[in-house]
Amino acid sequence: MRNTTSVRLASAYIALVRLPNVLMVAAGVMLGAWWARGSISAAVFAAMVAAMALTAAANSWNDAADIEIDRVAHPERPLPSGLLSKATALGLARFAALLAVVAALLAAPSLALLTVILLVPMRFYSPHIKRLGLPGNLTVALLASLPFLYGAWATGRPRSGLLLVAIAAPLHLAREIAKDLDDAAGDAGVRRTLPMRIGVPGARLILVLALLIFAAAILPVGLQKPAFWAALVPVFFFCAIAVRLTVLGRKGSPRLLKAAMLCAMLAFVVARR
């Protein structure tokens, strides 16, 4: 019985911090470092820990702020289901935020300053910034793209990561809008996300435009590398299916766009070789 309880508790913490997202962030930091310098150092590992901790803090803060919304949209999550308390989520967020700053300091003092600055929008995203509609979507899209910058920053070449950030941001924006479309029922009457501010058709249009910007940004990379173009095929496949589901008013686009992100990261590994 005790073992069963421990497993359920561990699973709840994993769900709270969104472990798959945390691991994806770790991969983003590594890619940013490899893209910038072609090697991985101890500073890069410290930056990876910082970015992972930031993600855990942000997700914990968001879930603590969204308990009532999640009772409708995501009742299986740890807080609305009662597996974890709001106080536990907030405590974990504070610990993760402190860990992020310390780890970033080990990577580079300037990166620690950036981490402290980023903690502010992360802390207030769900209760305040997300309610602004498109500005909220743009904020989280930028924040979610920064692991590439963290990796490049840890190598001493932060500018090298800006290209990856610029390419990733519109794809993240599309995914955030897709999530808002899927969560519209839970958000209704609680906060005015983009679909509620401009209507579902308008939100769908911005999602498609974001994906077109993403495509225009990624295509010029590696023009002399046929393998890179081949690696982009699954990226555009997942994006196309996500658009189809969105236009038809069906759920599932966020997962497809996350798959597109993973495939795009693999494509950049090919492009860097």
C-alpha atoms as a PDB file:
ATOM      1  CA  MET A   1       0.000   0.000   0.000  1.00  0.00           C
ATOM      2  CA  ARG A   2       2.824   2.363   0.905  1.00  0.00           C
ATOM      3  CA  ASN A   3       4.575   1.625  -2.381  1.00  0.00           C
ATOM      4  CA  THR A   4       1.385   2.356  -4.295  1.00  0.00           C
ATOM      5  CA  THR A   5       1.008   5.685  -2.500  1.00  0.00           C
ATOM      6  CA  SER A   6       4.626   6.598  -3.220  1.00  0.00           C
ATOM      7  CA  VAL A   7       4.217   5.812  -6.901  1.00  0.00           C
ATOM      8  CA  ARG A   8       1.039   7.908  -7.117  1.00  0.00           C
ATOM      9  CA  LEU A   9       2.778  10.796  -5.345  1.00  0.00           C
ATOM     10  CA  ALA A  10       5.807  10.588  -7.623  1.00  0.00           C
ATOM     11  CA  SER A  11       3.522  10.489 -10.651  1.00  0.00           C
ATOM     12  CA  ALA A  12       1.704  13.561  -9.348  1.00  0.00           C
ATOM     13  CA  TYR A  13       4.941  15.542  -9.058  1.00  0.00           C
ATOM     14  CA  ILE A  14       5.988  14.428 -12.538  1.00  0.00           C
ATOM     15  CA  ALA A  15       2.647  15.595 -13.914  1.00  0.00           C
ATOM     16  CA  LEU A  16       2.869  18.899 -12.007  1.00  0.00           C
ATOM     17  CA  VAL A  17       6.226  19.921 -13.471  1.00  0.00           C
ATOM     18  CA  ARG A  18       5.361  18.417 -16.907  1.00  0.00           C
ATOM     19  CA  LEU A  19       8.390  16.122 -17.067  1.00  0.00           C
ATOM     20  CA  PRO A  20       8.199  15.658 -20.874  1.00  0.00           C
ATOM     21  CA  ASN A  21       8.355  19.440 -21.273  1.00  0.00           C
ATOM     22  CA  VAL A  22      11.231  19.662 -18.802  1.00  0.00           C
ATOM     23  CA  LEU A  23      13.183  17.058 -20.771  1.00  0.00           C
ATOM     24  CA  MET A  24      12.414  18.898 -24.000  1.00  0.00           C
ATOM     25  CA  VAL A  25      13.821  22.062 -22.446  1.00  0.00           C
ATOM     26  CA  ALA A  26      16.987  20.174 -21.521  1.00  0.00           C
ATOM     27  CA  ALA A  27      17.336  19.050 -25.135  1.00  0.00           C
ATOM     28  CA  GLY A  28      16.814  22.650 -26.280  1.00  0.00           C
ATOM     29  CA  VAL A  29      19.670  23.885 -24.100  1.00  0.00           C
ATOM     30  CA  MET A  30      21.961  21.166 -25.437  1.00  0.00           C
ATOM     31  CA  LEU A  31      21.004  21.998 -29.016  1.00  0.00           C
ATOM     32  CA  GLY A  32      21.609  25.707 -28.419  1.00  0.00           C
ATOM     33  CA  ALA A  33      25.085  24.975 -27.063  1.00  0.00           C
ATOM     34  CA  TRP A  34      25.937  22.551 -29.828  1.00  0.00           C
ATOM     35  CA  TRP A  35      24.667  24.955 -32.474  1.00  0.00           C
ATOM     36  CA  ALA A  36      26.757  27.792 -31.017  1.00  0.00           C
ATOM     37  CA  ARG A  37      30.032  25.964 -30.461  1.00  0.00           C
ATOM     38  CA  GLY A  38      29.697  22.303 -31.372  1.00  0.00           C
ATOM     39  CA  SER A  39      30.645  21.116 -27.891  1.00  0.00           C
ATOM     40  CA  ILE A  40      29.158  20.658 -24.423  1.00  0.00           C
ATOM     41  CA  SER A  41      30.802  21.923 -21.212  1.00  0.00           C
ATOM     42  CA  ALA A  42      30.086  21.939 -17.485  1.00  0.00           C
ATOM     43  CA  ALA A  43      28.629  25.450 -17.865  1.00  0.00           C
ATOM     44  CA  VAL A  44      26.152  24.087 -20.409  1.00  0.00           C
ATOM     45  CA  PHE A  45      25.000  21.415 -17.966  1.00  0.00           C
ATOM     46  CA  ALA A  46      24.490  24.120 -15.331  1.00  0.00           C
ATOM     47  CA  ALA A  47      22.450  26.153 -17.825  1.00  0.00           C
ATOM     48  CA  MET A  48      20.435  23.027 -18.592  1.00  0.00           C
ATOM     49  CA  VAL A  49      19.583  22.572 -14.907  1.00  0.00           C
ATOM     50  CA  ALA A  50      18.613  26.255 -14.698  1.00  0.00           C
ATOM     51  CA  ALA A  51      16.265  26.041 -17.684  1.00  0.00           C
ATOM     52  CA  MET A  52      14.715  22.790 -16.443  1.00  0.00           C
ATOM     53  CA  ALA A  53      14.138  24.312 -13.006  1.00  0.00           C
ATOM     54  CA  LEU A  54      12.570  27.410 -14.568  1.00  0.00           C
ATOM     55  CA  THR A  55      10.156  25.197 -16.469  1.00  0.00           C
ATOM     56  CA  ALA A  56       9.242  23.271 -13.328  1.00  0.00           C
ATOM     57  CA  ALA A  57       8.658  26.529 -11.433  1.00  0.00           C
ATOM     58  CA  ALA A  58       6.516  28.017 -14.198  1.00  0.00           C
ATOM     59  CA  ASN A  59       4.341  24.923 -14.533  1.00  0.00           C
ATOM     60  CA  SER A  60       3.867  24.671 -10.768  1.00  0.00           C
ATOM     61  CA  TRP A  61       2.884  28.329 -10.511  1.00  0.00           C
ATOM     62  CA  ASN A  62       0.493  27.971 -13.433  1.00  0.00           C
ATOM     63  CA  ASP A  63      -1.248  24.938 -11.968  1.00  0.00           C
ATOM     64  CA  ALA A  64      -1.562  26.649  -8.588  1.00  0.00           C
ATOM     65  CA  ALA A  65      -3.280  29.584 -10.287  1.00  0.00           C
ATOM     66  CA  ASP A  66      -5.482  27.438 -12.537  1.00  0.00           C
ATOM     67  CA  ILE A  67      -7.053  24.981 -10.098  1.00  0.00           C
ATOM     68  CA  GLU A  68     -10.624  26.071 -10.760  1.00  0.00           C
ATOM     69  CA  ILE A  69     -10.115  26.220 -14.517  1.00  0.00           C
ATOM     70  CA  ASP A  70      -8.499  22.782 -14.521  1.00  0.00           C
ATOM     71  CA  ARG A  71     -11.463  21.280 -12.677  1.00  0.00           C
ATOM     72  CA  VAL A  72     -13.252  21.677 -16.020  1.00  0.00           C
ATOM     73  CA  ALA A  73     -10.477  21.535 -18.616  1.00  0.00           C
ATOM     74  CA  HIS A  74      -8.013  19.127 -16.944  1.00  0.00           C
ATOM     75  CA  PRO A  75      -9.605  17.428 -13.924  1.00  0.00           C
ATOM     76  CA  GLU A  76      -6.960  14.666 -14.036  1.00  0.00           C
ATOM     77  CA  ARG A  77      -4.143  17.040 -13.068  1.00  0.00           C
ATOM     78  CA  PRO A  78      -2.594  16.708  -9.575  1.00  0.00           C
ATOM     79  CA  LEU A  79      -4.161  19.798  -7.978  1.00  0.00           C
ATOM     80  CA  PRO A  80      -7.807  19.580  -9.109  1.00  0.00           C
ATOM     81  CA  SER A  81      -7.750  15.816  -8.523  1.00  0.00           C
ATOM     82  CA  GLY A  82      -6.559  16.355  -4.942  1.00  0.00           C
ATOM     83  CA  LEU A  83      -3.297  14.405  -5.263  1.00  0.00           C
ATOM     84  CA  LEU A  84      -1.299  17.521  -4.410  1.00  0.00           C
ATOM     85  CA  SER A  85      -2.226  20.726  -2.601  1.00  0.00           C
ATOM     86  CA  LYS A  86      -1.849  24.289  -3.802  1.00  0.00           C
ATOM     87  CA  ALA A  87       0.639  24.941  -1.000  1.00  0.00           C
ATOM     88  CA  THR A  88       2.775  22.020  -2.183  1.00  0.00           C
ATOM     89  CA  ALA A  89       2.797  23.345  -5.741  1.00  0.00           C
ATOM     90  CA  LEU A  90       3.801  26.820  -4.576  1.00  0.00           C
ATOM     91  CA  GLY A  91       6.531  25.386  -2.355  1.00  0.00           C
ATOM     92  CA  LEU A  92       7.935  23.371  -5.243  1.00  0.00           C
ATOM     93  CA  ALA A  93       7.819  26.451  -7.476  1.00  0.00           C
ATOM     94  CA  ARG A  94       9.833  28.498  -4.975  1.00  0.00           C
ATOM     95  CA  PHE A  95      12.439  25.751  -4.621  1.00  0.00           C
ATOM     96  CA  ALA A  96      12.725  25.342  -8.397  1.00  0.00           C
ATOM     97  CA  ALA A  97      13.063  29.118  -8.865  1.00  0.00           C
ATOM     98  CA  LEU A  98      15.928  29.253  -6.362  1.00  0.00           C
ATOM     99  CA  LEU A  99      17.601  26.267  -8.016  1.00  0.00           C
ATOM    100  CA  ALA A 100      17.292  27.968 -11.401  1.00  0.00           C
ATOM    101  CA  VAL A 101      19.077  31.099 -10.190  1.00  0.00           C
ATOM    102  CA  VAL A 102      21.877  29.158  -8.476  1.00  0.00           C
ATOM    103  CA  ALA A 103      22.433  26.883 -11.489  1.00  0.00           C
ATOM    104  CA  ALA A 104      22.419  29.858 -13.879  1.00  0.00           C
ATOM    105  CA  LEU A 105      24.988  31.590 -11.673  1.00  0.00           C
ATOM    106  CA  LEU A 106      27.255  28.570 -12.051  1.00  0.00           C
ATOM    107  CA  ALA A 107      26.847  28.752 -15.821  1.00  0.00           C
ATOM    108  CA  ALA A 108      27.432  32.510 -16.165  1.00  0.00           C
ATOM    109  CA  PRO A 109      26.697  35.447 -13.808  1.00  0.00           C
ATOM    110  CA  SER A 110      24.926  37.336 -16.605  1.00  0.00           C
ATOM    111  CA  LEU A 111      22.690  34.322 -17.216  1.00  0.00           C
ATOM    112  CA  ALA A 112      21.694  34.376 -13.553  1.00  0.00           C
ATOM    113  CA  LEU A 113      20.542  37.988 -13.984  1.00  0.00           C
ATOM    114  CA  LEU A 114      18.456  36.978 -17.001  1.00  0.00           C
ATOM    115  CA  THR A 115      16.979  34.115 -14.974  1.00  0.00           C
ATOM    116  CA  VAL A 116      15.902  36.452 -12.172  1.00  0.00           C
ATOM    117  CA  ILE A 117      14.239  38.733 -14.730  1.00  0.00           C
ATOM    118  CA  LEU A 118      12.423  35.830 -16.375  1.00  0.00           C
ATOM    119  CA  LEU A 119      11.006  34.645 -13.062  1.00  0.00           C
ATOM    120  CA  VAL A 120       8.734  37.702 -12.966  1.00  0.00           C
ATOM    121  CA  PRO A 121       6.641  36.977 -16.104  1.00  0.00           C
ATOM    122  CA  MET A 122       6.698  33.259 -15.267  1.00  0.00           C
ATOM    123  CA  ARG A 123       5.258  33.922 -11.814  1.00  0.00           C
ATOM    124  CA  PHE A 124       2.495  36.192 -13.070  1.00  0.00           C
ATOM    125  CA  TYR A 125       1.765  34.552 -16.421  1.00  0.00           C
ATOM    126  CA  SER A 126      -1.251  32.411 -15.561  1.00  0.00           C
ATOM    127  CA  PRO A 127      -3.013  34.725 -13.069  1.00  0.00           C
ATOM    128  CA  HIS A 128      -2.460  37.938 -15.046  1.00  0.00           C
ATOM    129  CA  ILE A 129      -0.512  37.905 -18.335  1.00  0.00           C
ATOM    130  CA  LYS A 130      -2.451  35.060 -19.946  1.00  0.00           C
ATOM    131  CA  ARG A 131      -5.653  37.030 -19.488  1.00  0.00           C
ATOM    132  CA  LEU A 132      -4.363  39.657 -21.952  1.00  0.00           C
ATOM    133  CA  GLY A 133      -4.944  37.417 -24.966  1.00  0.00           C
ATOM    134  CA  LEU A 134      -2.332  37.620 -27.721  1.00  0.00           C
ATOM    135  CA  PRO A 135       0.284  39.427 -25.546  1.00  0.00           C
ATOM    136  CA  GLY A 136       0.073  36.483 -23.157  1.00  0.00           C
ATOM    137  CA  ASN A 137       0.541  34.006 -25.977  1.00  0.00           C
ATOM    138  CA  LEU A 138       3.523  35.968 -27.294  1.00  0.00           C
ATOM    139  CA  THR A 139       5.069  36.073 -23.822  1.00  0.00           C
ATOM    140  CA  VAL A 140       4.959  32.341 -23.266  1.00  0.00           C
ATOM    141  CA  ALA A 141       6.093  31.667 -26.849  1.00  0.00           C
ATOM    142  CA  LEU A 142       9.232  33.719 -26.224  1.00  0.00           C
ATOM    143  CA  LEU A 143       9.862  32.186 -22.814  1.00  0.00           C
ATOM    144  CA  ALA A 144       9.456  28.670 -24.185  1.00  0.00           C
ATOM    145  CA  SER A 145      12.019  29.413 -26.921  1.00  0.00           C
ATOM    146  CA  LEU A 146      14.746  30.631 -24.575  1.00  0.00           C
ATOM    147  CA  PRO A 147      16.374  27.242 -23.770  1.00  0.00           C
ATOM    148  CA  PHE A 148      18.269  27.606 -27.052  1.00  0.00           C
ATOM    149  CA  LEU A 149      19.584  30.963 -25.860  1.00  0.00           C
ATOM    150  CA  TYR A 150      20.535  29.432 -22.493  1.00  0.00           C
ATOM    151  CA  GLY A 151      22.641  26.811 -24.225  1.00  0.00           C
ATOM    152  CA  ALA A 152      24.375  29.304 -26.494  1.00  0.00           C
ATOM    153  CA  TRP A 153      24.860  31.733 -23.599  1.00  0.00           C
ATOM    154  CA  ALA A 154      26.635  29.083 -21.549  1.00  0.00           C
ATOM    155  CA  THR A 155      29.182  28.660 -24.359  1.00  0.00           C
ATOM    156  CA  GLY A 156      29.937  32.377 -24.395  1.00  0.00           C
ATOM    157  CA  ARG A 157      28.146  32.911 -27.708  1.00  0.00           C
ATOM    158  CA  PRO A 158      24.604  34.023 -26.851  1.00  0.00           C
ATOM    159  CA  ARG A 159      24.012  35.639 -30.255  1.00  0.00           C
ATOM    160  CA  SER A 160      24.364  32.245 -31.906  1.00  0.00           C
ATOM    161  CA  GLY A 161      21.215  31.092 -30.128  1.00  0.00           C
ATOM    162  CA  LEU A 162      19.057  33.965 -31.363  1.00  0.00           C
ATOM    163  CA  LEU A 163      18.406  32.297 -34.720  1.00  0.00           C
ATOM    164  CA  LEU A 164      16.961  29.222 -33.019  1.00  0.00           C
ATOM    165  CA  VAL A 165      14.867  31.417 -30.713  1.00  0.00           C
ATOM    166  CA  ALA A 166      13.474  33.367 -33.683  1.00  0.00           C
ATOM    167  CA  ILE A 167      12.541  30.147 -35.476  1.00  0.00           C
ATOM    168  CA  ALA A 168      11.067  28.436 -32.419  1.00  0.00           C
ATOM    169  CA  ALA A 169       8.946  31.364 -31.181  1.00  0.00           C
ATOM    170  CA  PRO A 170       6.250  31.311 -33.913  1.00  0.00           C
ATOM    171  CA  LEU A 171       5.892  27.531 -33.576  1.00  0.00           C
ATOM    172  CA  HIS A 172       5.469  27.911 -29.824  1.00  0.00           C
ATOM    173  CA  LEU A 173       2.967  30.718 -30.464  1.00  0.00           C
ATOM    174  CA  ALA A 174       0.899  28.424 -32.672  1.00  0.00           C
ATOM    175  CA  ARG A 175       0.920  25.753 -29.982  1.00  0.00           C
ATOM    176  CA  GLU A 176      -0.160  28.192 -27.266  1.00  0.00           C
ATOM    177  CA  ILE A 177      -3.087  29.364 -29.373  1.00  0.00           C
ATOM    178  CA  ALA A 178      -3.995  25.732 -30.064  1.00  0.00           C
ATOM    179  CA  LYS A 179      -4.022  25.084 -26.317  1.00  0.00           C
ATOM    180  CA  ASP A 180      -6.298  28.092 -25.775  1.00  0.00           C
ATOM    181  CA  LEU A 181      -8.672  26.765 -28.424  1.00  0.00           C
ATOM    182  CA  ASP A 182      -8.744  23.332 -26.774  1.00  0.00           C
ATOM    183  CA  ASP A 183      -9.225  24.856 -23.289  1.00  0.00           C
ATOM    184  CA  ALA A 184     -11.911  27.371 -24.249  1.00  0.00           C
ATOM    185  CA  ALA A 185     -14.616  25.582 -22.244  1.00  0.00           C
ATOM    186  CA  GLY A 186     -12.589  25.698 -19.033  1.00  0.00           C
ATOM    187  CA  ASP A 187     -11.485  29.308 -19.560  1.00  0.00           C
ATOM    188  CA  ALA A 188     -15.016  30.578 -20.238  1.00  0.00           C
ATOM    189  CA  GLY A 189     -16.151  33.008 -17.573  1.00  0.00           C
ATOM    190  CA  VAL A 190     -12.756  32.957 -15.866  1.00  0.00           C
ATOM    191  CA  ARG A 191     -10.361  34.705 -18.242  1.00  0.00           C
ATOM    192  CA  ARG A 192     -10.523  36.082 -21.759  1.00  0.00           C
ATOM    193  CA  THR A 193      -7.954  34.230 -23.771  1.00  0.00           C
ATOM    194  CA  LEU A 194      -7.350  34.956 -27.461  1.00  0.00           C
ATOM    195  CA  PRO A 195     -10.282  32.884 -28.827  1.00  0.00           C
ATOM    196  CA  MET A 196     -12.648  34.753 -26.511  1.00  0.00           C
ATOM    197  CA  ARG A 197     -11.246  38.173 -27.360  1.00  0.00           C
ATOM    198  CA  ILE A 198     -11.236  37.933 -31.148  1.00  0.00           C
ATOM    199  CA  GLY A 199     -13.353  34.847 -31.721  1.00  0.00           C
ATOM    200  CA  VAL A 200     -12.424  31.288 -32.651  1.00  0.00           C
ATOM    201  CA  PRO A 201     -12.020  32.016 -36.412  1.00  0.00           C
ATOM    202  CA  GLY A 202      -9.622  34.880 -35.650  1.00  0.00           C
ATOM    203  CA  ALA A 203      -7.568  32.722 -33.285  1.00  0.00           C
ATOM    204  CA  ARG A 204      -7.381  29.978 -35.898  1.00  0.00           C
ATOM    205  CA  LEU A 205      -6.162  32.495 -38.474  1.00  0.00           C
ATOM    206  CA  ILE A 206      -3.367  33.748 -36.198  1.00  0.00           C
ATOM    207  CA  LEU A 207      -2.355  30.134 -35.521  1.00  0.00           C
ATOM    208  CA  VAL A 208      -2.031  29.479 -39.257  1.00  0.00           C
ATOM    209  CA  LEU A 209      -0.115  32.746 -39.770  1.00  0.00           C
ATOM    210  CA  ALA A 210       2.285  31.802 -36.965  1.00  0.00           C
ATOM    211  CA  LEU A 211       2.998  28.485 -38.658  1.00  0.00           C
ATOM    212  CA  LEU A 212       3.588  30.233 -41.987  1.00  0.00           C
ATOM    213  CA  ILE A 213       6.098  32.548 -40.280  1.00  0.00           C
ATOM    214  CA  PHE A 214       7.760  29.514 -38.733  1.00  0.00           C
ATOM    215  CA  ALA A 215       8.021  27.855 -42.157  1.00  0.00           C
ATOM    216  CA  ALA A 216       9.450  31.004 -43.740  1.00  0.00           C
ATOM    217  CA  ALA A 217      12.042  31.269 -40.968  1.00  0.00           C
ATOM    218  CA  ILE A 218      13.204  27.662 -40.966  1.00  0.00           C
ATOM    219  CA  LEU A 219      13.379  26.966 -44.697  1.00  0.00           C
ATOM    220  CA  PRO A 220      16.425  29.149 -45.463  1.00  0.00           C
ATOM    221  CA  VAL A 221      18.547  27.323 -42.870  1.00  0.00           C
ATOM    222  CA  GLY A 222      20.878  24.784 -44.348  1.00  0.00           C
ATOM    223  CA  LEU A 223      20.110  25.556 -47.994  1.00  0.00           C
ATOM    224  CA  GLN A 224      23.107  23.505 -49.050  1.00  0.00           C
ATOM    225  CA  LYS A 225      22.136  20.490 -46.949  1.00  0.00           C
ATOM    226  CA  PRO A 226      19.643  18.117 -48.645  1.00  0.00           C
ATOM    227  CA  ALA A 227      19.493  16.029 -45.467  1.00  0.00           C
ATOM    228  CA  PHE A 228      18.115  19.045 -43.613  1.00  0.00           C
ATOM    229  CA  TRP A 229      15.272  19.395 -46.108  1.00  0.00           C
ATOM    230  CA  ALA A 230      14.462  15.709 -45.745  1.00  0.00           C
ATOM    231  CA  ALA A 231      14.458  16.081 -41.957  1.00  0.00           C
ATOM    232  CA  LEU A 232      11.893  18.892 -42.254  1.00  0.00           C
ATOM    233  CA  VAL A 233       9.296  16.627 -43.914  1.00  0.00           C
ATOM    234  CA  PRO A 234       7.845  15.283 -40.637  1.00  0.00           C
ATOM    235  CA  VAL A 235       7.902  18.808 -39.189  1.00  0.00           C
ATOM    236  CA  PHE A 236       5.598  20.133 -41.882  1.00  0.00           C
ATOM    237  CA  PHE A 237       3.522  16.956 -41.821  1.00  0.00           C
ATOM    238  CA  PHE A 238       2.689  17.401 -38.133  1.00  0.00           C
ATOM    239  CA  CYS A 239       2.027  21.118 -38.665  1.00  0.00           C
ATOM    240  CA  ALA A 240      -0.338  20.384 -41.554  1.00  0.00           C
ATOM    241  CA  ILE A 241      -2.328  17.832 -39.548  1.00  0.00           C
ATOM    242  CA  ALA A 242      -2.490  20.277 -36.621  1.00  0.00           C
ATOM    243  CA  VAL A 243      -3.910  22.966 -38.906  1.00  0.00           C
ATOM    244  CA  ARG A 244      -6.480  20.536 -40.256  1.00  0.00           C
ATOM    245  CA  LEU A 245      -7.661  19.593 -36.752  1.00  0.00           C
ATOM    246  CA  THR A 246      -7.806  23.237 -35.744  1.00  0.00           C
ATOM    247  CA  VAL A 247      -9.856  24.263 -38.778  1.00  0.00           C
ATOM    248  CA  LEU A 248     -12.245  21.364 -38.177  1.00  0.00           C
ATOM    249  CA  GLY A 249     -12.649  22.394 -34.538  1.00  0.00           C
ATOM    250  CA  ARG A 250     -11.155  19.183 -33.178  1.00  0.00           C
ATOM    251  CA  LYS A 251      -8.765  18.834 -30.253  1.00  0.00           C
ATOM    252  CA  GLY A 252      -5.265  17.426 -30.413  1.00  0.00           C
ATOM    253  CA  SER A 253      -3.293  20.131 -32.221  1.00  0.00           C
ATOM    254  CA  PRO A 254      -1.005  20.974 -29.256  1.00  0.00           C
ATOM    255  CA  ARG A 255       0.430  17.459 -29.186  1.00  0.00           C
ATOM    256  CA  LEU A 256       1.029  17.474 -32.927  1.00  0.00           C
ATOM    257  CA  LEU A 257       2.803  20.819 -32.716  1.00  0.00           C
ATOM    258  CA  LYS A 258       4.965  19.517 -29.891  1.00  0.00           C
ATOM    259  CA  ALA A 259       5.919  16.591 -32.125  1.00  0.00           C
ATOM    260  CA  ALA A 260       6.778  19.129 -34.825  1.00  0.00           C
ATOM    261  CA  MET A 261       9.058  20.898 -32.338  1.00  0.00           C
ATOM    262  CA  LEU A 262      10.925  17.690 -31.558  1.00  0.00           C
ATOM    263  CA  CYS A 263      11.353  16.903 -35.249  1.00  0.00           C
ATOM    264  CA  ALA A 264      12.573  20.453 -35.914  1.00  0.00           C
ATOM    265  CA  MET A 265      15.212  20.086 -33.213  1.00  0.00           C
ATOM    266  CA  LEU A 266      16.416  16.870 -34.838  1.00  0.00           C
ATOM    267  CA  ALA A 267      16.523  18.675 -38.171  1.00  0.00           C
ATOM    268  CA  PHE A 268      18.851  21.287 -36.701  1.00  0.00           C
ATOM    269  CA  VAL A 269      21.156  18.551 -35.479  1.00  0.00           C
ATOM    270  CA  VAL A 270      21.384  17.468 -39.105  1.00  0.00           C
ATOM    271  CA  ALA A 271      21.921  21.066 -40.265  1.00  0.00           C
ATOM    272  CA  ARG A 272      24.785  21.626 -37.804  1.00  0.00           C
ATOM    273  CA  ARG A 273      26.759  18.536 -38.860  1.00  0.00           C
END
